[in-house]
Amino acid sequence: MAEYTETNGAKHFELEATAGETVFKPGRATATWGFNGSHLGPTIRARRGDDLRFTIRNHLDETTSVHWHGAHLPPEADGGPHQAIEPHGTWEPEWTVDQPATMLWYHPHPHGNTARHVYRGLAGLILIDDDAGDGLNLPREYGVDDVPLIVQDKNFDGDGQLEENDTFMSAVGIVGKEILVNGTYGPYFEASTRKLRLRILNGSNSRLYNFAFSDLREFSVIGSDGGLLAEPHRTDRIILSPAERTDIVVDLEPGETIQLQSLPVDIDFGFVYNRSHGMDDHLDVLEIRAADELSDSPDLPGSLTEIESLSAAAATAERSFRLSGMSTINGESMDMNRIDFGARVDTVEQWTVRNGNEFTHNFHVHDVQFQVASIDGEAPPPPLAGWKDTVLLVPGRDYRLLMRFSQYTDPDFPYMYHCHILKHEDSGMMGQFVVLGEGEEVGTVPEMAAHGGHG
């Protein structure tokens, strides 16, 4: 857990991006990057209403950034490609937490280099608490019955170093054969309670996971990217694309050992594509070893939270986005100087997003959490019925998303929307928008931001 100091009533965290070595397999050290260590970064914990301040120092020999994925915050604090931190430079963003309890994450977002920086190990978690969540009988003891998991795939060469070349025949970059959980190879968890809460992040560059347990037992999905669902949903598997999160609770019996696994992904991209992109893989993710005696856990509440339903009828703008190939949205690649559109503050918009080819794509929007109103005109499955910031796009389907823009405006400083398959993002499958106050019109990206200017 990240330590902080109190500075003028704010929680002040310090992060340092550094290069180092990490031992994943016995006897071999792997060159890696991390925040405040050699690999990954500390978990940041905050409450709704907290003022957060960060001092981020870049000790790498190349430009990076830190994006707060899923956070609602001013555009100048977002940490996207416009908030570049030059080698040996410092960045000091700040904002007030104003969103429900959930798990977010942070990772680099340098233009054209996000995939490599995340793959080398620059990533960490953000846990947000609030009074409403505290009032529920949910597992909440960090590291005991409430366990966050960063799941990533890697490839290692014969010397134990990370292979950074694209996987053969891959249209998505690297598809790793080895699984790390919280930066650990061959991980296991010793459980001491009858109910175990797992907050899972797909922290991989491109791989889809179909999470399930080795005996296909049912578990309860209680939350998604942006917070708790309205009520628990029972299922025996859940698919996550890169950057998506899920919050699940599984029941354990004393003395048993089970595996959290990833099953083959039941989306037909075609035989060759599925085989070459890991869709057919059956992977062990985490071994869970239950103690011979387990502490009792209360039953889950039947109701978790009340989710405001955004109305399509209230939408003041409708937009369409088609992701094609590996580098374009609506036929255009990312231009750091082009603002694609402006959304008006305190309005709801409806975005229809479509995967226009047979490659793997998903869709992430900065600043807002959205609702998946429908998929091809049908209601979304329960795990997609809460707040989301990233959604998998099955080819040939229309995803209708509803989102409200609030609080922060700037006609010049943009937020991003993009595919979170990181090779695609780096290749240009990204656009940018601004949020406009009353009477404002779309402006011009400041020169410092357009060229990545923090030093």
Protein backbone atom coordinates (compact mmCIF):
# COMPACT_ATOMS: atom_id res chain seq x y z
CA MET A 1 0.00 0.00 0.00
CA ALA A 2 1.38 3.40 -0.94
CA GLU A 3 2.41 5.70 1.89
CA TYR A 4 1.46 9.36 1.82
CA THR A 5 1.95 12.56 3.76
CA GLU A 6 -0.66 15.17 4.67
CA THR A 7 0.00 18.42 2.85
CA ASN A 8 -2.46 21.26 3.46
CA GLY A 9 -5.25 18.74 4.02
CA ALA A 10 -4.43 16.70 0.91
CA LYS A 11 -3.03 13.18 0.66
CA HIS A 12 0.35 13.60 -1.01
CA PHE A 13 1.75 10.51 -2.76
CA GLU A 14 5.16 10.21 -4.40
CA LEU A 15 5.84 7.87 -7.32
CA GLU A 16 9.19 7.29 -8.98
CA ALA A 17 9.44 5.50 -12.34
CA THR A 18 12.66 3.49 -12.31
CA ALA A 19 14.47 0.71 -14.15
CA GLY A 20 15.61 -2.34 -12.20
CA GLU A 21 15.67 -6.12 -12.09
CA THR A 22 13.05 -8.57 -10.86
CA VAL A 23 13.41 -12.30 -10.21
CA PHE A 24 10.33 -14.04 -11.61
CA LYS A 25 11.87 -17.48 -12.04
CA PRO A 26 14.51 -18.91 -9.67
CA GLY A 27 18.09 -17.98 -10.52
CA ARG A 28 17.31 -15.44 -13.25
CA ALA A 29 16.88 -11.69 -12.92
CA THR A 30 14.76 -9.94 -15.55
CA ALA A 31 15.22 -6.29 -16.54
CA THR A 32 11.98 -4.51 -15.62
CA TRP A 33 10.49 -1.10 -14.86
CA GLY A 34 8.36 -0.12 -11.91
CA PHE A 35 7.06 2.65 -9.68
CA ASN A 36 8.87 2.89 -6.32
CA GLY A 37 10.49 -0.46 -7.05
CA SER A 38 11.68 -2.69 -9.86
CA HIS A 39 8.25 -3.90 -11.08
CA LEU A 40 4.64 -2.63 -10.86
CA GLY A 41 3.72 0.04 -8.32
CA PRO A 42 2.18 0.44 -4.87
CA THR A 43 -1.59 0.36 -4.38
CA ILE A 44 -3.00 3.83 -3.78
CA ARG A 45 -5.98 3.97 -1.43
CA ALA A 46 -8.26 6.99 -1.10
CA ARG A 47 -11.79 7.94 -0.10
CA ARG A 48 -14.43 9.86 -1.97
CA GLY A 49 -13.90 13.50 -1.05
CA ASP A 50 -10.13 13.18 -0.54
CA ASP A 51 -7.88 15.79 -2.11
CA LEU A 52 -5.03 13.95 -3.83
CA ARG A 53 -1.67 15.34 -4.83
CA PHE A 54 1.11 13.47 -6.56
CA THR A 55 4.78 14.12 -7.14
CA ILE A 56 5.89 11.84 -9.96
CA ARG A 57 9.55 11.65 -10.91
CA ASN A 58 10.78 9.99 -14.08
CA HIS A 59 14.16 8.33 -13.53
CA LEU A 60 14.00 6.53 -16.87
CA ASP A 61 16.05 7.53 -19.88
CA GLU A 62 12.95 8.11 -21.98
CA THR A 63 9.70 10.04 -21.78
CA THR A 64 6.76 8.44 -19.97
CA SER A 65 3.51 9.55 -18.32
CA VAL A 66 1.05 8.36 -15.67
CA HIS A 67 -2.63 8.04 -16.61
CA TRP A 68 -5.24 7.48 -13.89
CA HIS A 69 -7.40 4.95 -15.73
CA GLY A 70 -11.09 5.27 -14.84
CA ALA A 71 -10.69 8.43 -12.76
CA HIS A 72 -12.97 11.45 -13.05
CA LEU A 73 -10.61 14.41 -12.94
CA PRO A 74 -9.55 17.61 -14.75
CA PRO A 75 -8.02 17.04 -18.18
CA GLU A 76 -4.68 18.56 -17.18
CA ALA A 77 -4.39 15.89 -14.44
CA ASP A 78 -5.47 12.98 -16.66
CA GLY A 79 -1.96 11.79 -17.50
CA GLY A 80 -2.58 11.01 -21.15
CA PRO A 81 -0.13 11.60 -23.98
CA HIS A 82 -0.27 15.37 -23.48
CA GLN A 83 1.12 15.15 -19.94
CA ALA A 84 4.48 13.66 -20.90
CA ILE A 85 7.16 13.52 -18.21
CA GLU A 86 10.57 13.94 -19.80
CA PRO A 87 13.58 11.92 -18.61
CA HIS A 88 14.51 13.02 -15.09
CA GLY A 89 11.50 15.33 -15.08
CA THR A 90 8.69 15.77 -12.52
CA TRP A 91 4.90 16.06 -12.82
CA GLU A 92 2.60 17.14 -9.99
CA PRO A 93 -1.12 16.55 -10.72
CA GLU A 94 -3.88 17.01 -8.17
CA TRP A 95 -7.63 16.50 -7.97
CA THR A 96 -10.47 15.73 -5.57
CA VAL A 97 -11.89 12.20 -5.61
CA ASP A 98 -15.54 12.38 -6.63
CA GLN A 99 -16.76 8.95 -7.70
CA PRO A 100 -18.16 5.80 -6.06
CA ALA A 101 -16.09 3.11 -4.36
CA THR A 102 -14.29 0.98 -6.92
CA MET A 103 -10.89 -0.20 -8.18
CA LEU A 104 -9.09 1.91 -10.79
CA TRP A 105 -5.53 1.62 -12.01
CA TYR A 106 -2.64 3.76 -13.20
CA HIS A 107 -0.26 3.20 -16.08
CA PRO A 108 1.82 5.13 -18.64
CA HIS A 109 0.20 6.68 -21.70
CA PRO A 110 3.11 8.09 -23.78
CA HIS A 111 2.08 8.61 -27.39
CA GLY A 112 3.23 5.61 -29.43
CA ASN A 113 4.96 3.84 -26.51
CA THR A 114 2.23 2.81 -24.06
CA ALA A 115 2.44 -0.92 -24.85
CA ARG A 116 6.16 -1.19 -24.12
CA HIS A 117 6.01 0.83 -20.90
CA VAL A 118 3.10 -1.19 -19.48
CA TYR A 119 4.66 -4.49 -20.60
CA ARG A 120 7.91 -3.68 -18.82
CA GLY A 121 6.01 -3.25 -15.56
CA LEU A 122 4.74 0.30 -15.08
CA ALA A 123 1.28 -0.23 -13.58
CA GLY A 124 -0.47 -0.08 -10.23
CA LEU A 125 -3.89 -0.08 -8.56
CA ILE A 126 -6.11 2.60 -7.03
CA LEU A 127 -8.75 1.58 -4.47
CA ILE A 128 -11.49 4.10 -3.76
CA ASP A 129 -13.70 3.79 -0.68
CA ASP A 130 -16.91 5.61 0.24
CA ASP A 131 -19.46 5.64 3.04
CA ALA A 132 -22.06 3.69 1.06
CA GLY A 133 -19.66 0.84 0.39
CA ASP A 134 -18.48 0.81 4.00
CA GLY A 135 -22.06 0.17 5.10
CA LEU A 136 -22.34 -3.13 3.21
CA ASN A 137 -21.44 -6.59 4.53
CA LEU A 138 -18.74 -7.24 1.96
CA PRO A 139 -15.27 -8.70 2.42
CA ARG A 140 -13.00 -5.67 2.90
CA GLU A 141 -9.83 -6.63 4.81
CA TYR A 142 -7.09 -5.85 2.29
CA GLY A 143 -4.90 -8.84 1.56
CA VAL A 144 -6.98 -11.18 3.73
CA ASP A 145 -10.48 -11.55 2.26
CA ASP A 146 -10.29 -8.61 -0.18
CA VAL A 147 -7.49 -9.30 -2.67
CA PRO A 148 -6.75 -7.21 -5.78
CA LEU A 149 -5.17 -9.07 -8.70
CA ILE A 150 -3.22 -7.58 -11.60
CA VAL A 151 -3.22 -10.33 -14.24
CA GLN A 152 -0.68 -10.00 -17.06
CA ASP A 153 0.85 -12.26 -19.69
CA LYS A 154 4.54 -12.23 -20.64
CA ASN A 155 6.99 -13.99 -22.90
CA PHE A 156 10.52 -14.73 -21.67
CA ASP A 157 13.56 -15.55 -23.78
CA GLY A 158 16.22 -18.15 -22.97
CA ASP A 159 18.06 -15.70 -20.72
CA GLY A 160 14.94 -14.90 -18.70
CA GLN A 161 14.44 -11.48 -20.29
CA LEU A 162 11.12 -10.11 -21.52
CA GLU A 163 10.55 -10.73 -25.21
CA GLU A 164 9.20 -7.51 -26.71
CA ASN A 165 8.62 -8.59 -30.31
CA ASP A 166 5.08 -9.09 -31.56
CA THR A 167 3.83 -12.67 -31.39
CA PHE A 168 3.99 -14.51 -34.73
CA MET A 169 0.86 -13.87 -36.85
CA SER A 170 -0.55 -11.53 -34.20
CA ALA A 171 -2.63 -8.49 -35.14
CA VAL A 172 -2.56 -7.26 -31.53
CA GLY A 173 1.12 -7.27 -30.63
CA ILE A 174 2.34 -9.48 -27.78
CA VAL A 175 0.32 -12.50 -26.67
CA GLY A 176 2.22 -13.96 -23.72
CA LYS A 177 2.52 -17.62 -22.81
CA GLU A 178 3.36 -17.05 -19.13
CA ILE A 179 0.98 -15.53 -16.57
CA LEU A 180 2.00 -13.20 -13.75
CA VAL A 181 -0.34 -12.15 -10.95
CA ASN A 182 0.72 -9.05 -9.02
CA GLY A 183 4.12 -9.53 -10.63
CA THR A 184 4.46 -13.10 -9.33
CA TYR A 185 5.17 -16.21 -11.43
CA GLY A 186 3.34 -19.38 -10.31
CA PRO A 187 1.28 -17.50 -7.68
CA TYR A 188 -0.85 -18.96 -4.89
CA PHE A 189 -2.99 -17.43 -2.16
CA GLU A 190 -3.62 -18.95 1.28
CA ALA A 191 -7.24 -18.18 2.13
CA SER A 192 -8.46 -17.96 5.72
CA THR A 193 -12.12 -16.98 5.20
CA ARG A 194 -15.16 -18.72 3.75
CA LYS A 195 -15.78 -15.90 1.29
CA LEU A 196 -12.94 -14.49 -0.76
CA ARG A 197 -13.28 -11.24 -2.70
CA LEU A 198 -11.07 -10.95 -5.79
CA ARG A 199 -10.82 -7.60 -7.57
CA ILE A 200 -9.37 -8.57 -10.94
CA LEU A 201 -7.70 -6.27 -13.46
CA ASN A 202 -6.84 -7.49 -16.93
CA GLY A 203 -3.50 -5.66 -17.02
CA SER A 204 -2.31 -7.32 -20.22
CA ASN A 205 -1.49 -5.51 -23.44
CA SER A 206 -3.82 -7.55 -25.65
CA ARG A 207 -4.93 -10.90 -24.21
CA LEU A 208 -8.58 -11.66 -23.44
CA TYR A 209 -9.24 -13.74 -20.32
CA ASN A 210 -12.29 -15.90 -19.62
CA PHE A 211 -12.00 -16.19 -15.84
CA ALA A 212 -13.48 -19.25 -14.13
CA PHE A 213 -12.61 -21.69 -11.37
CA SER A 214 -11.17 -25.14 -12.05
CA ASP A 215 -14.33 -26.94 -10.88
CA LEU A 216 -16.60 -24.41 -12.65
CA ARG A 217 -18.20 -23.39 -9.36
CA GLU A 218 -20.40 -20.34 -9.48
CA PHE A 219 -19.28 -17.05 -7.97
CA SER A 220 -20.91 -13.67 -7.44
CA VAL A 221 -20.00 -10.67 -9.59
CA ILE A 222 -20.52 -7.62 -7.41
CA GLY A 223 -18.79 -4.84 -9.35
CA SER A 224 -17.32 -3.64 -12.63
CA ASP A 225 -14.96 -0.87 -13.77
CA GLY A 226 -16.76 2.04 -12.12
CA GLY A 227 -18.18 0.52 -8.95
CA LEU A 228 -20.68 -1.91 -7.48
CA LEU A 229 -23.48 -3.50 -9.49
CA ALA A 230 -27.06 -2.97 -8.35
CA GLU A 231 -27.13 -6.55 -7.05
CA PRO A 232 -24.84 -9.60 -7.11
CA HIS A 233 -24.90 -11.69 -10.28
CA ARG A 234 -24.20 -15.44 -10.13
CA THR A 235 -22.17 -16.96 -12.96
CA ASP A 236 -19.36 -19.44 -13.55
CA ARG A 237 -17.19 -17.34 -15.89
CA ILE A 238 -16.54 -13.79 -17.01
CA ILE A 239 -14.58 -12.39 -19.97
CA LEU A 240 -12.31 -9.36 -19.47
CA SER A 241 -10.53 -7.48 -22.24
CA PRO A 242 -7.43 -5.37 -21.48
CA ALA A 243 -8.04 -2.68 -18.83
CA GLU A 244 -11.44 -4.06 -17.74
CA ARG A 245 -11.97 -4.91 -14.08
CA THR A 246 -14.35 -7.17 -12.24
CA ASP A 247 -15.12 -7.55 -8.54
CA ILE A 248 -16.13 -11.09 -7.57
CA VAL A 249 -16.79 -13.12 -4.41
CA VAL A 250 -16.25 -16.89 -4.28
CA ASP A 251 -17.24 -19.34 -1.52
CA LEU A 252 -14.58 -21.70 -0.17
CA GLU A 253 -14.62 -24.93 1.82
CA PRO A 254 -12.04 -25.74 4.52
CA GLY A 255 -8.95 -27.55 3.25
CA GLU A 256 -9.71 -27.34 -0.45
CA THR A 257 -7.43 -26.16 -3.25
CA ILE A 258 -8.86 -24.64 -6.42
CA GLN A 259 -7.44 -22.77 -9.38
CA LEU A 260 -8.57 -19.48 -10.79
CA GLN A 261 -8.16 -20.15 -14.51
CA SER A 262 -8.74 -18.61 -17.90
CA LEU A 263 -10.81 -20.81 -20.19
CA PRO A 264 -10.88 -20.57 -24.00
CA VAL A 265 -12.72 -17.42 -25.06
CA ASP A 266 -16.03 -18.39 -26.66
CA ILE A 267 -15.97 -15.67 -29.34
CA ASP A 268 -15.45 -16.96 -32.87
CA PHE A 269 -12.87 -14.79 -34.60
CA GLY A 270 -12.08 -17.73 -36.91
CA PHE A 271 -9.90 -20.79 -36.30
CA VAL A 272 -6.55 -19.28 -37.33
CA TYR A 273 -7.12 -16.01 -35.48
CA ASN A 274 -8.31 -17.74 -32.31
CA ARG A 275 -5.31 -20.07 -32.30
CA SER A 276 -2.70 -17.38 -32.99
CA HIS A 277 -4.16 -14.85 -30.54
CA GLY A 278 -4.53 -17.08 -27.48
CA MET A 279 -8.31 -17.40 -27.64
CA ASP A 280 -8.07 -21.19 -27.38
CA ASP A 281 -5.68 -21.17 -24.41
CA HIS A 282 -6.56 -22.80 -21.09
CA LEU A 283 -4.42 -21.10 -18.44
CA ASP A 284 -3.84 -21.43 -14.72
CA VAL A 285 -3.91 -17.97 -13.14
CA LEU A 286 -3.92 -18.32 -9.34
CA GLU A 287 -3.98 -21.29 -6.98
CA ILE A 288 -6.20 -20.73 -3.94
CA ARG A 289 -5.39 -22.87 -0.89
CA ALA A 290 -8.07 -22.79 1.79
CA ALA A 291 -6.96 -23.33 5.38
CA ASP A 292 -8.31 -26.32 7.31
CA GLU A 293 -10.31 -23.88 9.43
CA LEU A 294 -11.94 -20.85 7.81
CA SER A 295 -13.42 -17.79 9.46
CA ASP A 296 -17.12 -17.31 8.85
CA SER A 297 -18.20 -14.63 6.39
CA PRO A 298 -21.60 -12.93 6.26
CA ASP A 299 -23.97 -13.57 3.37
CA LEU A 300 -23.75 -11.06 0.57
CA PRO A 301 -26.43 -8.35 0.56
CA GLY A 302 -29.23 -8.87 -1.95
CA SER A 303 -28.93 -5.23 -2.97
CA LEU A 304 -25.59 -3.43 -3.36
CA THR A 305 -26.26 0.05 -4.66
CA GLU A 306 -28.71 2.14 -6.62
CA ILE A 307 -27.47 2.94 -10.12
CA GLU A 308 -28.93 5.97 -11.83
CA SER A 309 -30.17 4.93 -15.26
CA LEU A 310 -29.07 7.35 -17.94
CA SER A 311 -31.77 8.00 -20.54
CA ALA A 312 -31.21 7.95 -24.28
CA ALA A 313 -34.12 10.36 -24.56
CA ALA A 314 -32.11 12.89 -22.56
CA ALA A 315 -29.07 12.64 -24.85
CA THR A 316 -28.25 15.98 -26.45
CA ALA A 317 -25.80 14.49 -28.97
CA GLU A 318 -25.35 11.16 -30.75
CA ARG A 319 -22.00 10.07 -32.11
CA SER A 320 -20.81 6.97 -33.99
CA PHE A 321 -17.38 5.37 -33.84
CA ARG A 322 -16.09 2.59 -36.08
CA LEU A 323 -12.80 0.92 -35.20
CA SER A 324 -11.05 -0.53 -38.26
CA GLY A 325 -7.77 -2.23 -38.98
CA MET A 326 -5.15 -1.55 -36.34
CA SER A 327 -4.90 2.22 -36.46
CA THR A 328 -8.10 4.12 -37.24
CA ILE A 329 -11.37 5.26 -35.71
CA ASN A 330 -13.84 6.59 -38.26
CA GLY A 331 -11.09 6.35 -40.86
CA GLU A 332 -8.66 8.64 -39.04
CA SER A 333 -5.56 7.99 -36.96
CA MET A 334 -4.63 9.97 -33.87
CA ASP A 335 -3.31 13.49 -34.39
CA MET A 336 -2.02 15.13 -31.20
CA ASN A 337 -3.01 18.56 -32.55
CA ARG A 338 -6.56 17.65 -33.70
CA ILE A 339 -9.50 17.89 -31.30
CA ASP A 340 -12.14 15.63 -32.79
CA PHE A 341 -15.16 17.19 -31.05
CA GLY A 342 -16.42 18.97 -27.98
CA ALA A 343 -18.97 17.59 -25.52
CA ARG A 344 -21.05 20.06 -23.51
CA VAL A 345 -20.74 19.94 -19.72
CA ASP A 346 -23.76 18.68 -17.73
CA THR A 347 -25.20 16.85 -20.75
CA VAL A 348 -25.71 13.18 -21.63
CA GLU A 349 -24.46 11.84 -24.95
CA GLN A 350 -25.14 8.58 -26.77
CA TRP A 351 -22.18 6.96 -28.52
CA THR A 352 -22.62 3.96 -30.82
CA VAL A 353 -19.38 2.03 -31.16
CA ARG A 354 -18.67 -0.79 -33.61
CA ASN A 355 -15.75 -3.12 -34.25
CA GLY A 356 -15.57 -2.86 -38.03
CA ASN A 357 -13.35 -5.87 -38.73
CA GLU A 358 -12.38 -9.28 -37.39
CA PHE A 359 -9.56 -8.08 -35.11
CA THR A 360 -9.79 -7.83 -31.33
CA HIS A 361 -10.82 -4.33 -30.23
CA ASN A 362 -12.22 -2.72 -27.13
CA PHE A 363 -13.14 0.87 -26.33
CA HIS A 364 -12.04 3.09 -23.45
CA VAL A 365 -13.14 6.65 -22.68
CA HIS A 366 -11.19 8.94 -20.36
CA ASP A 367 -12.80 10.96 -17.54
CA VAL A 368 -16.28 9.41 -17.61
CA GLN A 369 -17.86 6.14 -16.58
CA PHE A 370 -20.52 5.10 -19.09
CA GLN A 371 -23.46 2.71 -19.23
CA VAL A 372 -23.82 0.06 -21.90
CA ALA A 373 -27.42 0.78 -22.86
CA SER A 374 -27.68 -2.00 -25.45
CA ILE A 375 -25.74 -4.40 -27.66
CA ASP A 376 -27.38 -4.79 -31.06
CA GLY A 377 -30.58 -3.48 -29.51
CA GLU A 378 -30.60 -6.01 -26.67
CA ALA A 379 -30.02 -5.31 -22.99
CA PRO A 380 -26.42 -5.98 -21.90
CA PRO A 381 -25.62 -9.01 -19.74
CA PRO A 382 -25.62 -8.28 -15.97
CA PRO A 383 -21.82 -7.85 -15.60
CA LEU A 384 -22.05 -4.98 -18.13
CA ALA A 385 -25.06 -3.36 -16.47
CA GLY A 386 -23.03 -1.20 -14.08
CA TRP A 387 -20.64 1.68 -14.66
CA LYS A 388 -17.93 0.98 -17.23
CA ASP A 389 -14.98 2.83 -18.72
CA THR A 390 -13.82 0.04 -21.06
CA VAL A 391 -15.89 -2.46 -23.04
CA LEU A 392 -14.99 -5.38 -25.32
CA LEU A 393 -16.32 -4.96 -28.87
CA VAL A 394 -17.40 -8.25 -30.41
CA PRO A 395 -17.06 -7.84 -34.21
CA GLY A 396 -20.19 -6.79 -36.10
CA ARG A 397 -22.19 -5.61 -33.11
CA ASP A 398 -23.34 -2.11 -32.21
CA TYR A 399 -22.63 -1.03 -28.63
CA ARG A 400 -24.77 1.90 -27.54
CA LEU A 401 -23.08 3.78 -24.68
CA LEU A 402 -24.58 6.56 -22.55
CA MET A 403 -22.39 8.97 -20.60
CA ARG A 404 -22.68 12.27 -18.77
CA PHE A 405 -19.98 14.92 -18.87
CA SER A 406 -19.69 16.89 -15.65
CA GLN A 407 -17.69 19.29 -13.57
CA TYR A 408 -14.44 19.81 -15.50
CA THR A 409 -14.25 21.94 -18.65
CA ASP A 410 -11.44 23.15 -20.87
CA PRO A 411 -11.88 24.03 -24.57
CA ASP A 412 -8.20 23.38 -25.31
CA PHE A 413 -7.00 20.50 -23.14
CA PRO A 414 -8.40 17.14 -24.35
CA TYR A 415 -9.32 13.75 -22.98
CA MET A 416 -8.80 10.55 -25.01
CA TYR A 417 -10.97 7.74 -26.37
CA HIS A 418 -9.25 4.70 -27.85
CA CYS A 419 -8.87 0.98 -28.25
CA HIS A 420 -7.11 -0.45 -25.19
CA ILE A 421 -5.36 -3.14 -27.20
CA LEU A 422 -2.14 -1.23 -26.60
CA LYS A 423 -0.53 -1.94 -29.98
CA HIS A 424 -3.64 -0.47 -31.62
CA GLU A 425 -3.58 2.57 -29.35
CA ASP A 426 0.10 3.12 -30.16
CA SER A 427 -0.61 2.70 -33.87
CA GLY A 428 -3.14 5.53 -33.85
CA MET A 429 -6.50 3.98 -32.91
CA MET A 430 -7.28 6.92 -30.68
CA GLY A 431 -9.05 10.27 -30.78
CA GLN A 432 -9.52 13.17 -28.41
CA PHE A 433 -12.32 15.42 -27.22
CA VAL A 434 -12.79 18.39 -24.93
CA VAL A 435 -15.57 19.19 -22.47
CA LEU A 436 -17.00 22.66 -23.04
CA GLY A 437 -18.50 25.08 -20.57
CA GLU A 438 -21.41 27.34 -21.38
CA GLY A 439 -20.61 29.50 -24.39
CA GLU A 440 -17.27 27.82 -25.09
CA GLU A 441 -16.25 26.41 -28.45
CA VAL A 442 -13.58 23.86 -29.34
CA GLY A 443 -10.18 25.50 -29.05
CA THR A 444 -6.63 24.56 -29.91
CA VAL A 445 -4.36 22.10 -28.11
CA PRO A 446 -1.69 24.13 -26.28
CA GLU A 447 1.75 23.82 -27.90
CA MET A 448 3.29 22.38 -24.75
CA ALA A 449 0.58 19.71 -24.51
CA ALA A 450 0.59 18.91 -28.23
CA HIS A 451 4.30 18.17 -28.11
CA GLY A 452 4.33 16.40 -24.82
CA GLY A 453 5.98 19.07 -22.77
CA HIS A 454 6.61 18.44 -19.06
CA GLY A 455 10.25 18.52 -18.13
